[in-house]
Amino acid sequence: MPNSTRHTIHRHHHHFGWDNAIPPILTVAPGDTVSIDCRDSSDGQLTPTSTVADVAALDFGRINPVVGPIRIDGAEPGDAIMVTIGDFTPSGFGWTANIPGFGLLADQFIEPALKIWSYDRVAMTPAAFSSSARVPLKPFAGTIGLALAEPGLHSIVPPRRTGGNLDIRDLSTGAVLYLPVEVAGGLFSIGDTHAAQGDGEICGTAIESPMALTLKLDLVKGANLATPRFTTPGPVTRHLDADGYEATTGIGPDLIAAAREAVSRMIDLLVRDHGLAAVDAYMLCSVCGDLRISEIVDVPNWTVSFYFPRIVFR
């Protein structure tokens, strides 16, 4: 990312929740690049030596820390911040958890579960889930956004019109994200880095992994966006497509119910064909399976499909 001033922000410059009263830790000019060291979504509560007991003991007041905020010179309400995602420097450690009360099938999986991942931080080869399953990696930041116009502290958990906990796995290296500005300076923050995630993040966690990243912050005057939009530099599933997919469906008048059915049927299939425990199949689906709306026009029923990449078991 040439022809710009470079800045570095360390992970201790973090906060929890969106609040336009939080003073910026850095002001940049449009076109500047920033290297940011992000904490994982547990804020370090889960480590390579953690056990499932640590999942049950999580302090939810510390979930999803974001580094920032960063003020962009000249940004005013009605503009957009154009974020060009650069390279990631992964840590080699990650975790996936089933957190009671959280996730698409929270009523079915009520006990905590934890998978600790170790992966090659340089080669980024597929990470072992078990002796028979390996997950291709694709780093990205799950939480990326700007401050809201409304005063006060707003939860970091839901995505919002200015971005936030979007969990869009395609916001990886080379992607360009446009975020609507609602306050002077925009007040950009980022965190919740992932080594891999499926579309839908169905159990509520991906391969949560602390890592550093580099990005460029630009300003688009008068963009007047209602919600974020983004572009990708090329195909988005190439790292998973090589051996095709197994897919299950849910069909009915309720999209959430249909999504739950599609996922439940894939879990049943993985348990039957690969001998996984149901909760392990659930977590594995969250880090590499894709939940898609296949049809939403043929009243009264919609079709939701869940795609699981066969390359994981090759």
C-alpha atoms as a PDB file:
ATOM      1  CA  MET A   1       0.000   0.000   0.000  1.00  0.00           C
ATOM      2  CA  PRO A   2       2.391   2.741  -1.208  1.00  0.00           C
ATOM      3  CA  ASN A   3       2.191   6.546  -1.024  1.00  0.00           C
ATOM      4  CA  SER A   4       0.658   6.881   2.420  1.00  0.00           C
ATOM      5  CA  THR A   5       1.723   7.482   5.983  1.00  0.00           C
ATOM      6  CA  ARG A   6       1.960   4.297   8.030  1.00  0.00           C
ATOM      7  CA  HIS A   7       0.798   3.932  11.617  1.00  0.00           C
ATOM      8  CA  THR A   8       0.912   1.077  14.132  1.00  0.00           C
ATOM      9  CA  ILE A   9      -1.608   0.430  16.907  1.00  0.00           C
ATOM     10  CA  HIS A  10      -1.010  -2.155  19.637  1.00  0.00           C
ATOM     11  CA  ARG A  11      -3.654  -4.405  21.129  1.00  0.00           C
ATOM     12  CA  HIS A  12      -3.862  -2.629  24.485  1.00  0.00           C
ATOM     13  CA  HIS A  13      -5.660   0.274  22.728  1.00  0.00           C
ATOM     14  CA  HIS A  14      -8.991  -1.540  22.770  1.00  0.00           C
ATOM     15  CA  HIS A  15     -12.539  -0.918  23.967  1.00  0.00           C
ATOM     16  CA  PHE A  16     -15.840  -2.776  24.343  1.00  0.00           C
ATOM     17  CA  GLY A  17     -18.968  -1.519  22.613  1.00  0.00           C
ATOM     18  CA  TRP A  18     -19.642   1.425  20.295  1.00  0.00           C
ATOM     19  CA  ASP A  19     -19.693   4.886  21.885  1.00  0.00           C
ATOM     20  CA  ASN A  20     -19.015   8.089  19.979  1.00  0.00           C
ATOM     21  CA  ALA A  21     -17.740   9.694  23.203  1.00  0.00           C
ATOM     22  CA  ILE A  22     -14.670   7.417  23.297  1.00  0.00           C
ATOM     23  CA  PRO A  23     -11.730   9.659  22.320  1.00  0.00           C
ATOM     24  CA  PRO A  24      -9.737   8.543  19.278  1.00  0.00           C
ATOM     25  CA  ILE A  25      -6.351   6.990  19.921  1.00  0.00           C
ATOM     26  CA  LEU A  26      -5.100   8.092  16.495  1.00  0.00           C
ATOM     27  CA  THR A  27      -6.037  10.550  13.747  1.00  0.00           C
ATOM     28  CA  VAL A  28      -5.100   9.666  10.172  1.00  0.00           C
ATOM     29  CA  ALA A  29      -5.325  11.378   6.819  1.00  0.00           C
ATOM     30  CA  PRO A  30      -7.347   9.751   4.039  1.00  0.00           C
ATOM     31  CA  GLY A  31      -5.115   7.224   2.294  1.00  0.00           C
ATOM     32  CA  ASP A  32      -3.015   6.403   5.353  1.00  0.00           C
ATOM     33  CA  THR A  33      -2.264   2.780   6.233  1.00  0.00           C
ATOM     34  CA  VAL A  34      -2.525   1.343   9.711  1.00  0.00           C
ATOM     35  CA  SER A  35      -1.064  -1.865  11.134  1.00  0.00           C
ATOM     36  CA  ILE A  36      -3.250  -3.125  13.974  1.00  0.00           C
ATOM     37  CA  ASP A  37      -2.634  -5.890  16.488  1.00  0.00           C
ATOM     38  CA  CYS A  38      -6.048  -7.390  17.283  1.00  0.00           C
ATOM     39  CA  ARG A  39      -7.126  -9.379  20.307  1.00  0.00           C
ATOM     40  CA  ASP A  40      -9.290 -12.488  19.926  1.00  0.00           C
ATOM     41  CA  SER A  41     -13.012 -12.322  20.664  1.00  0.00           C
ATOM     42  CA  SER A  42     -12.559 -13.696  24.209  1.00  0.00           C
ATOM     43  CA  ASP A  43     -10.066 -10.918  25.046  1.00  0.00           C
ATOM     44  CA  GLY A  44      -7.497 -13.567  25.930  1.00  0.00           C
ATOM     45  CA  GLN A  45      -9.766 -15.460  28.319  1.00  0.00           C
ATOM     46  CA  LEU A  46      -9.309 -18.595  26.195  1.00  0.00           C
ATOM     47  CA  THR A  47      -5.707 -19.709  25.639  1.00  0.00           C
ATOM     48  CA  PRO A  48      -3.886 -22.735  24.193  1.00  0.00           C
ATOM     49  CA  THR A  49      -4.181 -24.426  27.606  1.00  0.00           C
ATOM     50  CA  SER A  50      -7.861 -23.659  28.193  1.00  0.00           C
ATOM     51  CA  THR A  51     -10.420 -26.357  28.989  1.00  0.00           C
ATOM     52  CA  VAL A  52     -14.168 -26.467  28.552  1.00  0.00           C
ATOM     53  CA  ALA A  53     -14.517 -25.148  32.110  1.00  0.00           C
ATOM     54  CA  ASP A  54     -13.099 -21.836  30.870  1.00  0.00           C
ATOM     55  CA  VAL A  55     -15.972 -21.537  28.370  1.00  0.00           C
ATOM     56  CA  ALA A  56     -18.511 -21.754  31.180  1.00  0.00           C
ATOM     57  CA  ALA A  57     -16.567 -19.105  33.124  1.00  0.00           C
ATOM     58  CA  LEU A  58     -16.329 -16.519  30.313  1.00  0.00           C
ATOM     59  CA  ASP A  59     -16.839 -12.898  31.343  1.00  0.00           C
ATOM     60  CA  PHE A  60     -19.221 -11.624  28.651  1.00  0.00           C
ATOM     61  CA  GLY A  61     -18.377  -8.038  29.542  1.00  0.00           C
ATOM     62  CA  ARG A  62     -15.037  -8.670  27.824  1.00  0.00           C
ATOM     63  CA  ILE A  63     -16.357 -10.279  24.627  1.00  0.00           C
ATOM     64  CA  ASN A  64     -15.313  -8.876  21.229  1.00  0.00           C
ATOM     65  CA  PRO A  65     -12.796  -6.164  22.106  1.00  0.00           C
ATOM     66  CA  VAL A  66     -12.047  -3.837  19.201  1.00  0.00           C
ATOM     67  CA  VAL A  67      -8.921  -1.769  18.671  1.00  0.00           C
ATOM     68  CA  GLY A  68      -9.503   1.952  18.150  1.00  0.00           C
ATOM     69  CA  PRO A  69     -11.178   4.264  17.620  1.00  0.00           C
ATOM     70  CA  ILE A  70      -9.300   5.902  14.754  1.00  0.00           C
ATOM     71  CA  ARG A  71     -10.397   9.322  13.517  1.00  0.00           C
ATOM     72  CA  ILE A  72     -10.211   9.969   9.764  1.00  0.00           C
ATOM     73  CA  ASP A  73      -9.560  13.618   8.935  1.00  0.00           C
ATOM     74  CA  GLY A  74     -12.384  15.290   7.048  1.00  0.00           C
ATOM     75  CA  ALA A  75     -14.961  12.524   7.546  1.00  0.00           C
ATOM     76  CA  GLU A  76     -18.459  13.911   8.120  1.00  0.00           C
ATOM     77  CA  PRO A  77     -21.962  12.393   8.313  1.00  0.00           C
ATOM     78  CA  GLY A  78     -23.055  11.314   4.842  1.00  0.00           C
ATOM     79  CA  ASP A  79     -19.533  10.327   3.784  1.00  0.00           C
ATOM     80  CA  ALA A  80     -18.129   6.791   3.692  1.00  0.00           C
ATOM     81  CA  ILE A  81     -14.865   5.356   4.951  1.00  0.00           C
ATOM     82  CA  MET A  82     -13.325   3.087   2.310  1.00  0.00           C
ATOM     83  CA  VAL A  83     -11.358   0.328   4.039  1.00  0.00           C
ATOM     84  CA  THR A  84      -8.934  -1.665   1.889  1.00  0.00           C
ATOM     85  CA  ILE A  85      -7.991  -4.872   3.684  1.00  0.00           C
ATOM     86  CA  GLY A  86      -4.309  -5.743   3.474  1.00  0.00           C
ATOM     87  CA  ASP A  87      -2.253  -8.625   4.791  1.00  0.00           C
ATOM     88  CA  PHE A  88      -2.815 -10.602   7.986  1.00  0.00           C
ATOM     89  CA  THR A  89      -0.157 -11.874  10.378  1.00  0.00           C
ATOM     90  CA  PRO A  90      -1.772 -14.838  12.136  1.00  0.00           C
ATOM     91  CA  SER A  91      -0.780 -16.101  15.576  1.00  0.00           C
ATOM     92  CA  GLY A  92      -0.993 -19.857  14.955  1.00  0.00           C
ATOM     93  CA  PHE A  93      -3.478 -20.309  17.819  1.00  0.00           C
ATOM     94  CA  GLY A  94      -7.257 -20.327  17.719  1.00  0.00           C
ATOM     95  CA  TRP A  95     -10.357 -21.655  19.417  1.00  0.00           C
ATOM     96  CA  THR A  96     -13.943 -22.568  18.590  1.00  0.00           C
ATOM     97  CA  ALA A  97     -16.562 -22.950  21.298  1.00  0.00           C
ATOM     98  CA  ASN A  98     -20.147 -23.865  21.814  1.00  0.00           C
ATOM     99  CA  ILE A  99     -21.289 -21.218  24.281  1.00  0.00           C
ATOM    100  CA  PRO A 100     -24.541 -22.094  26.086  1.00  0.00           C
ATOM    101  CA  GLY A 101     -27.417 -19.840  25.030  1.00  0.00           C
ATOM    102  CA  PHE A 102     -25.638 -18.663  21.864  1.00  0.00           C
ATOM    103  CA  GLY A 103     -25.849 -19.920  18.291  1.00  0.00           C
ATOM    104  CA  LEU A 104     -28.437 -21.051  15.757  1.00  0.00           C
ATOM    105  CA  LEU A 105     -29.098 -24.348  17.569  1.00  0.00           C
ATOM    106  CA  ALA A 106     -28.621 -23.118  21.134  1.00  0.00           C
ATOM    107  CA  ASP A 107     -31.678 -25.032  22.298  1.00  0.00           C
ATOM    108  CA  GLN A 108     -30.179 -28.316  21.032  1.00  0.00           C
ATOM    109  CA  PHE A 109     -26.609 -27.810  22.279  1.00  0.00           C
ATOM    110  CA  ILE A 110     -26.935 -26.594  25.840  1.00  0.00           C
ATOM    111  CA  GLU A 111     -23.569 -27.730  27.230  1.00  0.00           C
ATOM    112  CA  PRO A 112     -20.298 -25.854  26.674  1.00  0.00           C
ATOM    113  CA  ALA A 113     -17.722 -27.319  24.299  1.00  0.00           C
ATOM    114  CA  LEU A 114     -14.279 -26.183  23.192  1.00  0.00           C
ATOM    115  CA  LYS A 115     -11.894 -26.944  20.335  1.00  0.00           C
ATOM    116  CA  ILE A 116      -8.348 -25.554  20.581  1.00  0.00           C
ATOM    117  CA  TRP A 117      -6.657 -25.101  17.196  1.00  0.00           C
ATOM    118  CA  SER A 118      -2.977 -24.958  16.302  1.00  0.00           C
ATOM    119  CA  TYR A 119      -2.045 -24.014  12.738  1.00  0.00           C
ATOM    120  CA  ASP A 120       1.050 -23.093  10.733  1.00  0.00           C
ATOM    121  CA  ARG A 121       1.146 -19.300  10.931  1.00  0.00           C
ATOM    122  CA  VAL A 122       3.487 -19.036   7.930  1.00  0.00           C
ATOM    123  CA  ALA A 123       2.318 -21.721   5.493  1.00  0.00           C
ATOM    124  CA  MET A 124      -1.351 -21.373   6.567  1.00  0.00           C
ATOM    125  CA  THR A 125      -1.986 -24.979   5.568  1.00  0.00           C
ATOM    126  CA  PRO A 126      -5.373 -26.447   6.539  1.00  0.00           C
ATOM    127  CA  ALA A 127      -5.739 -26.783  10.295  1.00  0.00           C
ATOM    128  CA  ALA A 128      -6.495 -30.166  11.864  1.00  0.00           C
ATOM    129  CA  PHE A 129      -9.887 -30.474  13.520  1.00  0.00           C
ATOM    130  CA  SER A 130      -9.392 -34.207  14.095  1.00  0.00           C
ATOM    131  CA  SER A 131      -7.381 -37.075  12.660  1.00  0.00           C
ATOM    132  CA  SER A 132      -9.685 -37.103   9.636  1.00  0.00           C
ATOM    133  CA  ALA A 133     -10.776 -33.455   9.201  1.00  0.00           C
ATOM    134  CA  ARG A 134      -8.663 -30.441   8.193  1.00  0.00           C
ATOM    135  CA  VAL A 135     -10.074 -26.959   7.619  1.00  0.00           C
ATOM    136  CA  PRO A 136      -8.668 -24.595   4.940  1.00  0.00           C
ATOM    137  CA  LEU A 137      -7.873 -21.181   6.420  1.00  0.00           C
ATOM    138  CA  LYS A 138      -8.904 -17.685   5.291  1.00  0.00           C
ATOM    139  CA  PRO A 139      -8.115 -14.901   7.792  1.00  0.00           C
ATOM    140  CA  PHE A 140     -10.447 -11.930   8.199  1.00  0.00           C
ATOM    141  CA  ALA A 141     -11.733  -9.547  10.859  1.00  0.00           C
ATOM    142  CA  GLY A 142     -15.242 -10.296  12.088  1.00  0.00           C
ATOM    143  CA  THR A 143     -15.883  -6.923  13.731  1.00  0.00           C
ATOM    144  CA  ILE A 144     -15.132  -3.799  11.715  1.00  0.00           C
ATOM    145  CA  GLY A 145     -17.053  -0.561  11.846  1.00  0.00           C
ATOM    146  CA  LEU A 146     -17.640   3.055  12.827  1.00  0.00           C
ATOM    147  CA  ALA A 147     -19.331   4.799  15.746  1.00  0.00           C
ATOM    148  CA  LEU A 148     -23.091   5.366  15.712  1.00  0.00           C
ATOM    149  CA  ALA A 149     -24.712   8.795  15.836  1.00  0.00           C
ATOM    150  CA  GLU A 150     -26.796   7.874  18.902  1.00  0.00           C
ATOM    151  CA  PRO A 151     -25.031   8.748  22.163  1.00  0.00           C
ATOM    152  CA  GLY A 152     -24.158   6.195  24.824  1.00  0.00           C
ATOM    153  CA  LEU A 153     -22.652   2.729  24.840  1.00  0.00           C
ATOM    154  CA  HIS A 154     -24.030   0.244  22.296  1.00  0.00           C
ATOM    155  CA  SER A 155     -23.376  -3.514  22.460  1.00  0.00           C
ATOM    156  CA  ILE A 156     -20.635  -4.879  20.244  1.00  0.00           C
ATOM    157  CA  VAL A 157     -22.522  -8.145  19.614  1.00  0.00           C
ATOM    158  CA  PRO A 158     -25.050  -7.278  16.868  1.00  0.00           C
ATOM    159  CA  PRO A 159     -24.055  -5.871  13.477  1.00  0.00           C
ATOM    160  CA  ARG A 160     -25.293  -2.351  12.821  1.00  0.00           C
ATOM    161  CA  ARG A 161     -25.830   0.083   9.942  1.00  0.00           C
ATOM    162  CA  THR A 162     -22.296   1.488  10.432  1.00  0.00           C
ATOM    163  CA  GLY A 163     -20.743  -1.992  10.445  1.00  0.00           C
ATOM    164  CA  GLY A 164     -19.636  -3.728  13.618  1.00  0.00           C
ATOM    165  CA  ASN A 165     -19.880  -7.464  14.170  1.00  0.00           C
ATOM    166  CA  LEU A 166     -20.548  -8.238  10.509  1.00  0.00           C
ATOM    167  CA  ASP A 167     -18.792 -11.645  10.468  1.00  0.00           C
ATOM    168  CA  ILE A 168     -18.450 -11.544   6.677  1.00  0.00           C
ATOM    169  CA  ARG A 169     -15.698 -14.018   5.884  1.00  0.00           C
ATOM    170  CA  ASP A 170     -15.045 -12.436   2.490  1.00  0.00           C
ATOM    171  CA  LEU A 171     -13.663  -9.265   4.107  1.00  0.00           C
ATOM    172  CA  SER A 172     -10.221 -10.804   3.732  1.00  0.00           C
ATOM    173  CA  THR A 173      -7.044  -9.627   2.011  1.00  0.00           C
ATOM    174  CA  GLY A 174      -7.837  -7.500  -1.034  1.00  0.00           C
ATOM    175  CA  ALA A 175     -11.460  -6.778  -0.146  1.00  0.00           C
ATOM    176  CA  VAL A 176     -12.681  -3.177  -0.019  1.00  0.00           C
ATOM    177  CA  LEU A 177     -15.360  -2.237   2.523  1.00  0.00           C
ATOM    178  CA  TYR A 178     -17.384   0.995   2.511  1.00  0.00           C
ATOM    179  CA  LEU A 179     -18.796   2.101   5.877  1.00  0.00           C
ATOM    180  CA  PRO A 180     -21.381   4.896   6.364  1.00  0.00           C
ATOM    181  CA  VAL A 181     -20.135   7.814   8.476  1.00  0.00           C
ATOM    182  CA  GLU A 182     -22.535   9.114  11.140  1.00  0.00           C
ATOM    183  CA  VAL A 183     -20.188  11.181  13.345  1.00  0.00           C
ATOM    184  CA  ALA A 184     -17.322  13.541  12.598  1.00  0.00           C
ATOM    185  CA  GLY A 185     -14.129  11.581  11.994  1.00  0.00           C
ATOM    186  CA  GLY A 186     -15.998   8.299  11.574  1.00  0.00           C
ATOM    187  CA  LEU A 187     -14.253   6.730  14.605  1.00  0.00           C
ATOM    188  CA  PHE A 188     -13.147   3.407  13.119  1.00  0.00           C
ATOM    189  CA  SER A 189     -12.471   0.279  15.221  1.00  0.00           C
ATOM    190  CA  ILE A 190     -11.667  -3.331  14.351  1.00  0.00           C
ATOM    191  CA  GLY A 191     -11.182  -6.709  16.055  1.00  0.00           C
ATOM    192  CA  ASP A 192     -12.561 -10.243  16.386  1.00  0.00           C
ATOM    193  CA  THR A 193     -10.065 -11.748  13.955  1.00  0.00           C
ATOM    194  CA  HIS A 194     -10.754 -15.235  12.587  1.00  0.00           C
ATOM    195  CA  ALA A 195      -8.557 -17.825  10.893  1.00  0.00           C
ATOM    196  CA  ALA A 196     -11.595 -19.390   9.187  1.00  0.00           C
ATOM    197  CA  GLN A 197     -15.382 -19.219   9.275  1.00  0.00           C
ATOM    198  CA  GLY A 198     -18.307 -20.583   7.319  1.00  0.00           C
ATOM    199  CA  ASP A 199     -21.064 -18.317   6.031  1.00  0.00           C
ATOM    200  CA  GLY A 200     -23.536 -18.065   8.892  1.00  0.00           C
ATOM    201  CA  GLU A 201     -21.094 -18.821  11.749  1.00  0.00           C
ATOM    202  CA  ILE A 202     -23.846 -21.101  12.986  1.00  0.00           C
ATOM    203  CA  CYS A 203     -22.587 -22.020  16.469  1.00  0.00           C
ATOM    204  CA  GLY A 204     -21.660 -18.403  17.149  1.00  0.00           C
ATOM    205  CA  THR A 205     -17.885 -18.821  16.941  1.00  0.00           C
ATOM    206  CA  ALA A 206     -15.395 -19.330  14.130  1.00  0.00           C
ATOM    207  CA  ILE A 207     -11.696 -20.187  14.491  1.00  0.00           C
ATOM    208  CA  GLU A 208     -11.264 -17.231  16.821  1.00  0.00           C
ATOM    209  CA  SER A 209      -7.624 -16.215  16.572  1.00  0.00           C
ATOM    210  CA  PRO A 210      -5.606 -13.170  17.647  1.00  0.00           C
ATOM    211  CA  MET A 211      -3.657 -11.672  14.756  1.00  0.00           C
ATOM    212  CA  ALA A 212      -2.290  -8.479  13.292  1.00  0.00           C
ATOM    213  CA  LEU A 213      -3.431  -6.914  10.044  1.00  0.00           C
ATOM    214  CA  THR A 214      -2.769  -3.951   7.800  1.00  0.00           C
ATOM    215  CA  LEU A 215      -5.415  -1.794   6.159  1.00  0.00           C
ATOM    216  CA  LYS A 216      -5.797   1.501   4.323  1.00  0.00           C
ATOM    217  CA  LEU A 217      -8.399   4.082   5.319  1.00  0.00           C
ATOM    218  CA  ASP A 218      -9.755   6.381   2.608  1.00  0.00           C
ATOM    219  CA  LEU A 219     -12.597   8.876   2.476  1.00  0.00           C
ATOM    220  CA  VAL A 220     -15.462   8.995  -0.022  1.00  0.00           C
ATOM    221  CA  LYS A 221     -17.324  12.279   0.250  1.00  0.00           C
ATOM    222  CA  GLY A 222     -21.105  12.312  -0.102  1.00  0.00           C
ATOM    223  CA  ALA A 223     -21.468   8.551  -0.465  1.00  0.00           C
ATOM    224  CA  ASN A 224     -24.785   8.515   1.465  1.00  0.00           C
ATOM    225  CA  LEU A 225     -24.769   4.788   2.177  1.00  0.00           C
ATOM    226  CA  ALA A 226     -27.576   3.298   4.265  1.00  0.00           C
ATOM    227  CA  THR A 227     -25.531   0.229   5.241  1.00  0.00           C
ATOM    228  CA  PRO A 228     -22.054  -1.167   4.463  1.00  0.00           C
ATOM    229  CA  ARG A 229     -21.160  -2.531   1.057  1.00  0.00           C
ATOM    230  CA  PHE A 230     -18.013  -4.287  -0.154  1.00  0.00           C
ATOM    231  CA  THR A 231     -16.141  -5.645  -3.144  1.00  0.00           C
ATOM    232  CA  THR A 232     -13.945  -8.727  -3.358  1.00  0.00           C
ATOM    233  CA  PRO A 233     -10.773  -9.079  -5.457  1.00  0.00           C
ATOM    234  CA  GLY A 234     -11.801 -12.396  -6.992  1.00  0.00           C
ATOM    235  CA  PRO A 235     -13.557 -15.715  -6.272  1.00  0.00           C
ATOM    236  CA  VAL A 236     -14.547 -16.163  -2.649  1.00  0.00           C
ATOM    237  CA  THR A 237     -14.754 -19.943  -2.189  1.00  0.00           C
ATOM    238  CA  ARG A 238     -11.709 -21.150  -4.136  1.00  0.00           C
ATOM    239  CA  HIS A 239     -10.055 -22.410  -0.934  1.00  0.00           C
ATOM    240  CA  LEU A 240     -13.021 -24.743  -0.369  1.00  0.00           C
ATOM    241  CA  ASP A 241     -14.309 -25.627  -3.835  1.00  0.00           C
ATOM    242  CA  ALA A 242     -11.760 -28.210  -4.999  1.00  0.00           C
ATOM    243  CA  ASP A 243     -13.698 -31.354  -4.055  1.00  0.00           C
ATOM    244  CA  GLY A 244     -17.251 -30.034  -4.189  1.00  0.00           C
ATOM    245  CA  TYR A 245     -19.796 -30.044  -1.387  1.00  0.00           C
ATOM    246  CA  GLU A 246     -22.309 -32.104   0.484  1.00  0.00           C
ATOM    247  CA  ALA A 247     -25.509 -30.087   0.923  1.00  0.00           C
ATOM    248  CA  THR A 248     -28.651 -30.427   2.996  1.00  0.00           C
ATOM    249  CA  THR A 249     -31.806 -28.320   2.855  1.00  0.00           C
ATOM    250  CA  GLY A 250     -34.542 -26.842   4.989  1.00  0.00           C
ATOM    251  CA  ILE A 251     -37.828 -25.900   3.332  1.00  0.00           C
ATOM    252  CA  GLY A 252     -40.728 -23.914   4.752  1.00  0.00           C
ATOM    253  CA  PRO A 253     -42.306 -20.479   5.264  1.00  0.00           C
ATOM    254  CA  ASP A 254     -39.854 -19.382   8.005  1.00  0.00           C
ATOM    255  CA  LEU A 255     -36.234 -18.686   6.998  1.00  0.00           C
ATOM    256  CA  ILE A 256     -34.837 -19.242  10.482  1.00  0.00           C
ATOM    257  CA  ALA A 257     -36.699 -22.526  10.882  1.00  0.00           C
ATOM    258  CA  ALA A 258     -35.519 -23.638   7.448  1.00  0.00           C
ATOM    259  CA  ALA A 259     -31.936 -22.667   8.295  1.00  0.00           C
ATOM    260  CA  ARG A 260     -32.103 -24.673  11.520  1.00  0.00           C
ATOM    261  CA  GLU A 261     -33.439 -27.692   9.632  1.00  0.00           C
ATOM    262  CA  ALA A 262     -30.695 -27.502   6.977  1.00  0.00           C
ATOM    263  CA  VAL A 263     -27.961 -27.311   9.614  1.00  0.00           C
ATOM    264  CA  SER A 264     -29.474 -30.055  11.787  1.00  0.00           C
ATOM    265  CA  ARG A 265     -29.604 -32.387   8.792  1.00  0.00           C
ATOM    266  CA  MET A 266     -25.947 -31.696   7.978  1.00  0.00           C
ATOM    267  CA  ILE A 267     -24.972 -32.429  11.573  1.00  0.00           C
ATOM    268  CA  ASP A 268     -26.853 -35.732  11.358  1.00  0.00           C
ATOM    269  CA  LEU A 269     -25.030 -36.535   8.100  1.00  0.00           C
ATOM    270  CA  LEU A 270     -21.573 -35.785   9.545  1.00  0.00           C
ATOM    271  CA  VAL A 271     -22.308 -37.828  12.661  1.00  0.00           C
ATOM    272  CA  ARG A 272     -23.461 -40.766  10.563  1.00  0.00           C
ATOM    273  CA  ASP A 273     -20.749 -40.684   7.879  1.00  0.00           C
ATOM    274  CA  HIS A 274     -17.711 -39.520   9.870  1.00  0.00           C
ATOM    275  CA  GLY A 275     -18.373 -40.642  13.432  1.00  0.00           C
ATOM    276  CA  LEU A 276     -18.238 -37.156  14.916  1.00  0.00           C
ATOM    277  CA  ALA A 277     -19.943 -36.218  18.146  1.00  0.00           C
ATOM    278  CA  ALA A 278     -22.918 -34.003  17.370  1.00  0.00           C
ATOM    279  CA  VAL A 279     -21.434 -30.947  19.098  1.00  0.00           C
ATOM    280  CA  ASP A 280     -18.159 -31.408  17.204  1.00  0.00           C
ATOM    281  CA  ALA A 281     -20.078 -31.573  13.929  1.00  0.00           C
ATOM    282  CA  TYR A 282     -21.904 -28.369  14.949  1.00  0.00           C
ATOM    283  CA  MET A 283     -18.641 -26.501  15.638  1.00  0.00           C
ATOM    284  CA  LEU A 284     -17.032 -27.856  12.464  1.00  0.00           C
ATOM    285  CA  CYS A 285     -20.003 -26.640  10.419  1.00  0.00           C
ATOM    286  CA  SER A 286     -19.559 -23.189  11.956  1.00  0.00           C
ATOM    287  CA  VAL A 287     -15.937 -22.830  10.832  1.00  0.00           C
ATOM    288  CA  CYS A 288     -16.223 -24.133   7.254  1.00  0.00           C
ATOM    289  CA  GLY A 289     -19.834 -24.754   6.153  1.00  0.00           C
ATOM    290  CA  ASP A 290     -21.956 -22.218   4.268  1.00  0.00           C
ATOM    291  CA  LEU A 291     -25.585 -21.409   4.986  1.00  0.00           C
ATOM    292  CA  ARG A 292     -27.281 -19.988   1.895  1.00  0.00           C
ATOM    293  CA  ILE A 293     -30.732 -18.829   0.860  1.00  0.00           C
ATOM    294  CA  SER A 294     -31.307 -20.826  -2.306  1.00  0.00           C
ATOM    295  CA  GLU A 295     -34.835 -19.587  -3.053  1.00  0.00           C
ATOM    296  CA  ILE A 296     -36.999 -16.855  -1.548  1.00  0.00           C
ATOM    297  CA  VAL A 297     -39.634 -16.208  -4.242  1.00  0.00           C
ATOM    298  CA  ASP A 298     -41.758 -19.345  -4.494  1.00  0.00           C
ATOM    299  CA  VAL A 299     -44.507 -18.502  -2.004  1.00  0.00           C
ATOM    300  CA  PRO A 300     -45.292 -19.837   0.533  1.00  0.00           C
ATOM    301  CA  ASN A 301     -42.092 -21.830   1.101  1.00  0.00           C
ATOM    302  CA  TRP A 302     -38.428 -20.820   0.974  1.00  0.00           C
ATOM    303  CA  THR A 303     -35.366 -23.040   0.482  1.00  0.00           C
ATOM    304  CA  VAL A 304     -32.277 -22.744   2.668  1.00  0.00           C
ATOM    305  CA  SER A 305     -29.259 -24.920   1.862  1.00  0.00           C
ATOM    306  CA  PHE A 306     -26.241 -25.802   3.970  1.00  0.00           C
ATOM    307  CA  TYR A 307     -23.057 -26.536   2.014  1.00  0.00           C
ATOM    308  CA  PHE A 308     -20.270 -28.524   3.652  1.00  0.00           C
ATOM    309  CA  PRO A 309     -16.938 -28.659   1.724  1.00  0.00           C
ATOM    310  CA  ARG A 310     -15.811 -32.227   1.049  1.00  0.00           C
ATOM    311  CA  ILE A 311     -12.160 -31.106   0.973  1.00  0.00           C
ATOM    312  CA  VAL A 312     -12.255 -31.084   4.794  1.00  0.00           C
ATOM    313  CA  PHE A 313     -12.309 -34.898   4.885  1.00  0.00           C
ATOM    314  CA  ARG A 314      -9.899 -35.547   2.004  1.00  0.00           C
END
